[in-house]
Amino acid sequence: MNLDAPEYSHRLSTDFTPLPTSLKPGELYAAVPKHLFERSTITSSRYILRHLSFALVFAWGAYHIEEVAGYFGGGYWVERALWGTYWFWQSIIFTGFWVLGHEAGHDALSPSHAVNEVIGVILHTFLLTPYHAWRLTHRTHHKKTNHMNHDETHLPWRRSDWTGLPPEKEATEHDYKDLVEETPAFTLFRLVIRQFIGFQMYILNNRKGNPKYYGKFTSHYDPDAKLFKPKDRTQIIFSDICILSMIALLTYWDPTVPYYRDKEWTFLRGALGTVDRPMFGWIGRFFWFGVAHDHVAHHIFHAIPFYNLPEVTEAIKPILGEYYLYDSTPTLYALWRSFTQCQFVEDEGGVVFYKNQQGRAQVRVSPEVHSGLEPSKTNGYVEVANATDDHTDEIGHIEKDYSEVEL
């Protein structure tokens, strides 16, 4: 049964061409109404209090589960069903707390940096996340999204990471079957393990982080880790003292999302290497504050409050056109699809896509990309000479305004 959304299927049937380097962040910035950049401590506090009230109501319900079970005749299975219902909804709510802490990490809840810091530390410490350590590495991820050499996390395995897998031109179907393919049951087991402890493993030992620059077992709890600068040491220690996962996967982990190496990467190309998804419908919009619904806009304008991002998304979609990635595929099916289709990328190539268990990419890169041509805004092709070598103008905007509003 194929549950792929039509927009996803369209991307599979179309050759991929990178975003034109002529499109600059400032053009998107100009399309967004200026009032959407304004952050309100009062408005954000209302959302936090609303969310806290739901958590307290469910906690009160859990305290009275035996009493509630009595109204349904009592018994072991009635209580188990009620506890299952409680933990499902409370986990949804706790994930929302993490999202609010994420917003604080971007200074998107309040114009006051101090207020954002207090909220972020409280919410993330409650969920056993070292706030400052995560905030600093997440900042690097936003600057270098989908850069194969410099992104901090969400990096795909390379062909060379699969011990014994021959080069692409030498590999046979038998090689992929022996080394990459696995039974559906084992795939499901790995998927469940990653969903339950994947984020904790990333925080603890840099699992799915960038091993080239930080090492495979670098920890977010280590104040002297290569992840951080010496000036960050005090904040990391503070986060550790305070402490005494699916959303991220599906917004980046997709067979139709490109990854770039040095000469092909630009800030906008990286930022647009994310996918907007109506994750769990109204549940994701209401309890997770649309973190997956408007993730593309968030990557371009990280400091805009979450409650303004739906309007931002609508403002930039006409400019981005086909470069705006959206996928309405049912969430759990999309998760399974990504887990089975996203195995590794090639060690070479300026633009690469995930390959599946048979060693095949689902998206074909346009031949013009390999011939030194890139798309113009009119969809024609123009010859470029090192057009993507220097993006200091774009990165300069981001570096300069990263604590405020990017251009």
Protein backbone atom coordinates (compact mmCIF):
# COMPACT_ATOMS: atom_id res chain seq x y z
CA MET A 1 0.00 0.00 0.00
CA ASN A 2 1.43 3.35 -1.08
CA LEU A 3 0.53 6.25 1.21
CA ASP A 4 2.97 8.75 -0.29
CA ALA A 5 1.47 12.24 -0.54
CA PRO A 6 1.16 13.69 -4.07
CA GLU A 7 3.71 16.44 -3.40
CA TYR A 8 6.23 13.80 -2.30
CA SER A 9 5.57 11.67 -5.37
CA HIS A 10 6.05 14.74 -7.56
CA ARG A 11 9.53 15.30 -6.13
CA LEU A 12 10.44 11.70 -6.90
CA SER A 13 9.49 12.15 -10.55
CA THR A 14 11.34 15.46 -11.04
CA ASP A 15 15.08 15.98 -11.48
CA PHE A 16 16.47 18.05 -8.63
CA THR A 17 18.15 21.40 -9.25
CA PRO A 18 19.56 23.43 -6.33
CA LEU A 19 18.12 26.78 -5.32
CA PRO A 20 19.58 29.59 -7.45
CA THR A 21 22.31 31.47 -5.60
CA SER A 22 20.77 34.68 -6.91
CA LEU A 23 17.98 34.33 -4.36
CA LYS A 24 19.23 35.97 -1.16
CA PRO A 25 17.84 35.84 2.41
CA GLY A 26 17.04 39.55 2.20
CA GLU A 27 14.44 38.89 -0.50
CA LEU A 28 12.57 36.56 1.83
CA TYR A 29 12.99 38.97 4.71
CA ALA A 30 11.38 41.75 2.68
CA ALA A 31 8.35 39.55 1.94
CA VAL A 32 7.53 39.02 5.64
CA PRO A 33 5.40 41.74 7.32
CA LYS A 34 7.56 43.45 9.93
CA HIS A 35 5.10 42.97 12.80
CA LEU A 36 5.65 39.20 12.58
CA PHE A 37 9.20 39.67 13.86
CA GLU A 38 7.94 41.17 17.13
CA ARG A 39 8.24 38.96 20.23
CA SER A 40 5.86 39.33 23.15
CA THR A 41 6.68 38.05 26.64
CA ILE A 42 3.01 38.27 27.58
CA THR A 43 1.78 36.30 24.56
CA SER A 44 4.43 33.62 25.03
CA SER A 45 3.60 33.40 28.74
CA ARG A 46 -0.04 32.75 27.90
CA TYR A 47 0.96 29.80 25.73
CA ILE A 48 3.25 28.45 28.47
CA LEU A 49 0.53 28.75 31.13
CA ARG A 50 -2.01 27.14 28.82
CA HIS A 51 0.33 24.23 28.26
CA LEU A 52 1.12 23.93 31.97
CA SER A 53 -2.60 23.81 32.77
CA PHE A 54 -3.04 20.80 30.46
CA ALA A 55 -0.13 19.02 32.14
CA LEU A 56 -1.59 19.66 35.59
CA VAL A 57 -5.07 18.50 34.55
CA PHE A 58 -3.67 15.21 33.25
CA ALA A 59 -1.50 14.81 36.35
CA TRP A 60 -4.61 15.31 38.51
CA GLY A 61 -6.41 12.70 36.43
CA ALA A 62 -3.54 10.24 36.92
CA TYR A 63 -3.71 10.74 40.68
CA HIS A 64 -7.39 9.72 40.58
CA ILE A 65 -7.13 6.87 38.06
CA GLU A 66 -8.30 4.20 40.48
CA GLU A 67 -11.33 6.30 41.36
CA VAL A 68 -12.09 6.99 37.68
CA ALA A 69 -11.65 3.29 36.85
CA GLY A 70 -14.37 2.51 39.37
CA TYR A 71 -16.91 4.35 37.24
CA PHE A 72 -16.14 1.87 34.42
CA GLY A 73 -16.40 -1.21 36.57
CA GLY A 74 -12.77 -1.23 37.74
CA GLY A 75 -10.37 -4.06 37.05
CA TYR A 76 -6.80 -4.46 35.84
CA TRP A 77 -7.39 -3.78 32.15
CA VAL A 78 -9.51 -0.69 32.77
CA GLU A 79 -6.74 0.83 34.87
CA ARG A 80 -4.09 -0.13 32.30
CA ALA A 81 -6.15 1.52 29.55
CA LEU A 82 -6.48 4.69 31.60
CA TRP A 83 -2.76 4.77 32.39
CA GLY A 84 -1.98 4.26 28.70
CA THR A 85 -4.28 7.14 27.80
CA TYR A 86 -2.62 9.33 30.42
CA TRP A 87 0.92 8.64 29.29
CA PHE A 88 0.08 9.12 25.62
CA TRP A 89 -1.33 12.61 26.18
CA GLN A 90 1.16 13.59 28.87
CA SER A 91 4.05 12.62 26.57
CA ILE A 92 2.50 14.82 23.89
CA ILE A 93 2.39 17.67 26.41
CA PHE A 94 5.94 17.09 27.67
CA THR A 95 7.17 17.21 24.08
CA GLY A 96 5.46 20.59 23.83
CA PHE A 97 7.46 21.79 26.85
CA TRP A 98 10.63 20.79 25.00
CA VAL A 99 9.47 22.76 21.94
CA LEU A 100 8.89 25.85 24.13
CA GLY A 101 12.42 25.45 25.54
CA HIS A 102 13.65 25.19 21.95
CA GLU A 103 11.94 28.50 21.16
CA ALA A 104 13.60 30.07 24.20
CA GLY A 105 16.95 28.85 22.87
CA HIS A 106 16.33 30.98 19.77
CA ASP A 107 15.34 34.01 21.88
CA ALA A 108 11.92 33.72 20.22
CA LEU A 109 9.68 33.88 23.31
CA SER A 110 10.65 37.31 24.58
CA PRO A 111 12.67 40.36 23.49
CA SER A 112 14.58 39.87 26.76
CA HIS A 113 17.49 37.46 26.49
CA ALA A 114 17.39 36.92 30.26
CA VAL A 115 13.73 35.90 30.18
CA ASN A 116 14.41 33.43 27.38
CA GLU A 117 17.34 31.98 29.33
CA VAL A 118 15.29 31.45 32.50
CA ILE A 119 12.40 29.81 30.62
CA GLY A 120 14.73 27.62 28.56
CA VAL A 121 16.75 26.39 31.54
CA ILE A 122 13.62 25.55 33.56
CA LEU A 123 11.79 23.72 30.76
CA HIS A 124 14.75 21.77 29.40
CA THR A 125 16.10 20.86 32.83
CA PHE A 126 12.67 19.45 33.70
CA LEU A 127 13.06 17.19 30.64
CA LEU A 128 16.71 16.31 31.44
CA THR A 129 18.12 18.28 28.51
CA PRO A 130 21.30 20.32 29.20
CA TYR A 131 19.90 23.60 27.95
CA HIS A 132 23.03 25.65 27.25
CA ALA A 133 24.93 22.73 25.71
CA TRP A 134 22.02 21.95 23.39
CA ARG A 135 21.44 25.66 22.59
CA LEU A 136 25.03 26.23 21.49
CA THR A 137 25.28 23.18 19.23
CA HIS A 138 21.80 23.81 17.84
CA ARG A 139 23.00 27.27 16.85
CA THR A 140 25.73 25.66 14.74
CA HIS A 141 23.13 23.39 13.13
CA HIS A 142 21.06 26.41 12.06
CA LYS A 143 24.09 28.15 10.57
CA LYS A 144 25.22 25.13 8.56
CA THR A 145 22.06 23.09 7.94
CA ASN A 146 22.60 20.06 5.65
CA HIS A 147 26.26 20.93 5.08
CA MET A 148 27.96 17.53 4.84
CA ASN A 149 31.16 18.85 6.42
CA HIS A 150 30.01 21.45 8.92
CA ASP A 151 26.46 20.71 10.09
CA GLU A 152 26.47 19.67 13.73
CA THR A 153 23.75 16.99 13.65
CA HIS A 154 21.27 15.09 11.43
CA LEU A 155 24.15 14.00 9.20
CA PRO A 156 23.60 10.90 7.06
CA TRP A 157 25.98 7.98 7.06
CA ARG A 158 28.38 7.90 4.13
CA ARG A 159 29.02 4.87 1.96
CA SER A 160 32.45 4.54 3.62
CA ASP A 161 30.77 4.20 7.03
CA TRP A 162 29.40 0.82 5.96
CA THR A 163 32.35 -1.51 6.55
CA GLY A 164 32.80 -3.79 3.57
CA LEU A 165 30.50 -1.92 1.17
CA PRO A 166 32.36 -1.55 -2.16
CA PRO A 167 32.51 1.74 -4.13
CA GLU A 168 29.35 2.63 -6.07
CA LYS A 169 30.69 1.46 -9.45
CA GLU A 170 31.76 -1.90 -8.03
CA ALA A 171 28.87 -2.68 -5.66
CA THR A 172 26.41 -5.35 -6.72
CA GLU A 173 22.85 -6.05 -5.61
CA HIS A 174 24.24 -8.87 -3.50
CA ASP A 175 26.54 -6.45 -1.62
CA TYR A 176 23.63 -4.24 -0.62
CA LYS A 177 21.53 -7.25 0.38
CA ASP A 178 24.26 -8.57 2.67
CA LEU A 179 25.29 -5.28 4.29
CA VAL A 180 22.36 -2.86 4.16
CA GLU A 181 19.09 -4.75 3.83
CA GLU A 182 17.40 -6.07 6.98
CA THR A 183 14.16 -7.76 7.96
CA PRO A 184 11.11 -5.54 8.66
CA ALA A 185 11.05 -6.79 12.26
CA PHE A 186 14.64 -5.67 12.90
CA THR A 187 13.97 -2.35 11.15
CA LEU A 188 10.99 -1.81 13.46
CA PHE A 189 13.15 -2.66 16.47
CA ARG A 190 15.79 -0.11 15.47
CA LEU A 191 13.13 2.50 14.77
CA VAL A 192 11.60 2.07 18.23
CA ILE A 193 15.00 2.24 19.92
CA ARG A 194 15.89 5.43 18.07
CA GLN A 195 12.55 7.04 18.91
CA PHE A 196 12.87 6.25 22.61
CA ILE A 197 16.56 6.92 23.31
CA GLY A 198 17.94 8.51 20.10
CA PHE A 199 17.98 12.08 21.44
CA GLN A 200 19.50 10.96 24.75
CA MET A 201 22.29 9.13 22.88
CA TYR A 202 22.97 12.26 20.81
CA ILE A 203 23.27 14.36 23.99
CA LEU A 204 25.35 11.73 25.79
CA ASN A 205 27.85 10.66 23.12
CA ASN A 206 27.15 12.66 19.93
CA ARG A 207 25.23 9.86 18.23
CA LYS A 208 24.21 11.16 14.74
CA GLY A 209 26.37 14.22 15.38
CA ASN A 210 29.34 15.29 13.27
CA PRO A 211 32.13 12.78 14.02
CA LYS A 212 34.68 14.49 11.75
CA TYR A 213 34.98 17.65 13.82
CA TYR A 214 33.80 16.59 17.26
CA GLY A 215 34.53 12.88 17.57
CA LYS A 216 32.13 9.96 17.88
CA PHE A 217 31.85 10.00 21.66
CA THR A 218 31.76 13.71 22.39
CA SER A 219 29.28 14.51 25.14
CA HIS A 220 27.06 17.57 25.61
CA TYR A 221 27.65 17.15 29.33
CA ASP A 222 31.42 17.68 28.98
CA PRO A 223 32.27 21.41 29.41
CA ASP A 224 35.65 20.83 27.71
CA ALA A 225 34.22 19.04 24.65
CA LYS A 226 35.19 20.22 21.17
CA LEU A 227 31.54 21.10 20.64
CA PHE A 228 32.03 24.27 22.67
CA LYS A 229 34.30 27.27 22.86
CA PRO A 230 36.26 28.00 26.06
CA LYS A 231 33.98 30.96 26.81
CA ASP A 232 30.98 28.59 26.93
CA ARG A 233 32.42 26.41 29.71
CA THR A 234 30.61 28.08 32.62
CA GLN A 235 27.22 27.79 30.90
CA ILE A 236 27.76 24.08 30.20
CA ILE A 237 28.64 23.42 33.83
CA PHE A 238 25.55 25.36 34.91
CA SER A 239 23.33 23.22 32.66
CA ASP A 240 24.89 20.04 34.07
CA ILE A 241 24.25 21.16 37.63
CA CYS A 242 20.61 21.92 36.82
CA ILE A 243 20.07 18.35 35.59
CA LEU A 244 21.86 16.47 38.68
CA SER A 245 12.57 12.74 20.01
CA MET A 246 10.63 12.05 16.08
CA ILE A 247 10.08 15.67 15.24
CA ALA A 248 13.71 16.35 14.38
CA LEU A 249 13.98 13.16 12.36
CA LEU A 250 11.07 13.87 10.03
CA THR A 251 11.86 17.53 9.40
CA TYR A 252 15.28 16.63 7.94
CA TRP A 253 15.32 12.86 7.40
CA ASP A 254 13.65 12.31 4.05
CA PRO A 255 14.68 10.68 0.75
CA THR A 256 13.89 13.91 -1.15
CA VAL A 257 15.98 16.25 1.05
CA PRO A 258 19.37 17.23 -0.44
CA TYR A 259 22.70 17.52 1.38
CA TYR A 260 25.52 19.73 0.15
CA ARG A 261 29.28 19.92 0.28
CA ASP A 262 31.40 23.06 0.42
CA LYS A 263 31.09 24.54 -3.07
CA GLU A 264 27.38 23.81 -3.43
CA TRP A 265 26.24 24.84 0.05
CA THR A 266 24.64 28.21 0.83
CA PHE A 267 22.69 29.24 3.90
CA LEU A 268 19.38 29.26 2.03
CA ARG A 269 20.01 25.94 0.31
CA GLY A 270 20.68 24.41 3.70
CA ALA A 271 17.71 26.07 5.39
CA LEU A 272 15.42 24.85 2.61
CA GLY A 273 16.68 21.31 3.12
CA THR A 274 13.91 20.82 5.69
CA VAL A 275 10.34 19.62 5.20
CA ASP A 276 7.12 21.10 6.54
CA ARG A 277 4.78 18.36 7.72
CA PRO A 278 1.30 18.54 9.32
CA MET A 279 2.62 16.15 11.94
CA PHE A 280 -0.27 14.47 13.78
CA GLY A 281 -2.59 17.17 12.48
CA TRP A 282 -4.19 19.38 15.15
CA ILE A 283 -2.19 17.67 17.90
CA GLY A 284 1.10 18.87 16.40
CA ARG A 285 -0.28 22.33 15.71
CA PHE A 286 -1.81 22.82 19.17
CA PHE A 287 0.42 20.89 21.60
CA TRP A 288 3.72 21.15 19.68
CA PHE A 289 3.15 24.74 18.57
CA GLY A 290 3.49 23.87 14.88
CA VAL A 291 7.20 23.04 15.18
CA ALA A 292 6.92 20.60 12.24
CA HIS A 293 4.19 22.49 10.40
CA ASP A 294 6.34 25.59 9.81
CA HIS A 295 9.88 24.27 10.13
CA VAL A 296 11.11 25.76 6.86
CA ALA A 297 10.20 29.30 7.94
CA HIS A 298 11.76 28.64 11.35
CA HIS A 299 15.07 27.72 9.74
CA ILE A 300 15.17 30.96 7.78
CA PHE A 301 13.86 33.20 10.58
CA HIS A 302 14.66 31.41 13.82
CA ALA A 303 13.87 34.35 16.12
CA ILE A 304 10.31 34.86 14.89
CA PRO A 305 7.83 33.59 17.52
CA PHE A 306 6.16 30.28 16.73
CA TYR A 307 2.72 31.86 16.79
CA ASN A 308 3.68 34.08 13.82
CA LEU A 309 5.32 31.39 11.70
CA PRO A 310 2.15 30.24 9.87
CA GLU A 311 1.86 33.72 8.34
CA VAL A 312 5.57 33.76 7.54
CA THR A 313 5.24 30.43 5.74
CA GLU A 314 2.46 31.80 3.56
CA ALA A 315 4.49 34.94 2.83
CA ILE A 316 7.58 33.12 1.56
CA LYS A 317 5.97 30.21 -0.29
CA PRO A 318 5.25 32.24 -3.49
CA ILE A 319 8.93 33.27 -3.66
CA LEU A 320 10.32 29.80 -3.00
CA GLY A 321 7.96 27.99 -5.37
CA GLU A 322 9.11 24.41 -5.96
CA TYR A 323 11.99 24.87 -3.51
CA TYR A 324 9.55 24.91 -0.61
CA LEU A 325 9.31 21.33 0.65
CA TYR A 326 6.02 20.09 2.07
CA ASP A 327 4.81 16.56 2.68
CA SER A 328 1.35 15.58 3.92
CA THR A 329 2.17 11.86 4.00
CA PRO A 330 0.73 10.27 7.19
CA THR A 331 3.30 10.74 9.97
CA LEU A 332 3.95 7.14 11.00
CA TYR A 333 4.13 5.96 7.39
CA ALA A 334 6.60 8.76 6.59
CA LEU A 335 8.71 7.73 9.59
CA TRP A 336 8.84 4.12 8.40
CA ARG A 337 9.58 5.26 4.85
CA SER A 338 12.49 7.43 5.95
CA PHE A 339 13.86 4.72 8.21
CA THR A 340 13.93 2.20 5.37
CA GLN A 341 14.84 4.52 2.49
CA CYS A 342 17.47 6.75 4.16
CA GLN A 343 20.53 4.53 4.57
CA PHE A 344 23.60 6.45 3.39
CA VAL A 345 24.94 9.05 0.97
CA GLU A 346 27.94 8.89 -1.33
CA ASP A 347 31.34 10.08 -0.11
CA GLU A 348 31.68 12.33 -3.15
CA GLY A 349 29.46 14.80 -4.96
CA GLY A 350 28.50 18.42 -4.32
CA VAL A 351 24.79 17.56 -4.00
CA VAL A 352 23.82 14.18 -2.57
CA PHE A 353 20.62 12.39 -1.59
CA TYR A 354 20.02 9.41 0.65
CA LYS A 355 20.27 5.99 -0.97
CA ASN A 356 18.06 3.08 0.04
CA GLN A 357 18.81 -0.50 1.01
CA GLN A 358 19.38 -1.37 -2.64
CA GLY A 359 21.92 1.45 -3.08
CA ARG A 360 19.56 3.62 -5.16
CA ALA A 361 18.71 7.28 -4.62
CA GLN A 362 15.03 8.18 -4.91
CA VAL A 363 15.79 11.58 -6.46
CA ARG A 364 17.97 12.19 -9.50
CA VAL A 365 20.18 15.28 -9.51
CA SER A 366 19.77 17.21 -12.75
CA PRO A 367 22.67 16.64 -15.20
CA GLU A 368 23.08 20.41 -15.49
CA VAL A 369 24.22 20.54 -11.85
CA HIS A 370 27.23 18.40 -12.71
CA SER A 371 28.10 20.46 -15.78
CA GLY A 372 28.70 23.79 -14.04
CA LEU A 373 25.26 25.22 -14.74
CA GLU A 374 22.71 26.33 -12.22
CA PRO A 375 19.05 27.36 -12.49
CA SER A 376 18.15 31.00 -12.87
CA LYS A 377 14.97 32.43 -11.37
CA THR A 378 13.27 32.00 -14.73
CA ASN A 379 14.02 28.25 -14.69
CA GLY A 380 16.48 28.63 -17.53
CA TYR A 381 20.12 27.71 -17.03
CA VAL A 382 23.02 30.09 -16.79
CA GLU A 383 26.70 29.28 -16.68
CA VAL A 384 28.36 30.05 -13.38
CA ALA A 385 32.00 30.26 -12.42
CA ASN A 386 32.48 29.27 -8.77
CA ALA A 387 29.08 30.78 -8.07
CA THR A 388 28.83 28.95 -4.79
CA ASP A 389 32.40 29.41 -3.57
CA ASP A 390 31.74 32.52 -1.54
CA HIS A 391 28.63 33.12 0.52
CA THR A 392 30.09 35.54 3.02
CA ASP A 393 27.35 38.05 2.28
CA GLU A 394 24.65 35.57 3.29
CA ILE A 395 26.55 34.16 6.25
CA GLY A 396 27.51 37.65 7.32
CA HIS A 397 23.85 38.50 7.74
CA ILE A 398 23.30 35.40 9.82
CA GLU A 399 26.39 35.87 11.97
CA LYS A 400 25.64 39.54 12.52
CA ASP A 401 21.96 39.19 13.36
CA TYR A 402 21.84 35.72 14.87
CA SER A 403 20.70 36.98 18.25
CA GLU A 404 18.17 39.28 16.63
CA VAL A 405 16.57 38.90 13.19
CA GLU A 406 18.39 37.43 10.18
CA LEU A 407 18.26 39.10 6.82
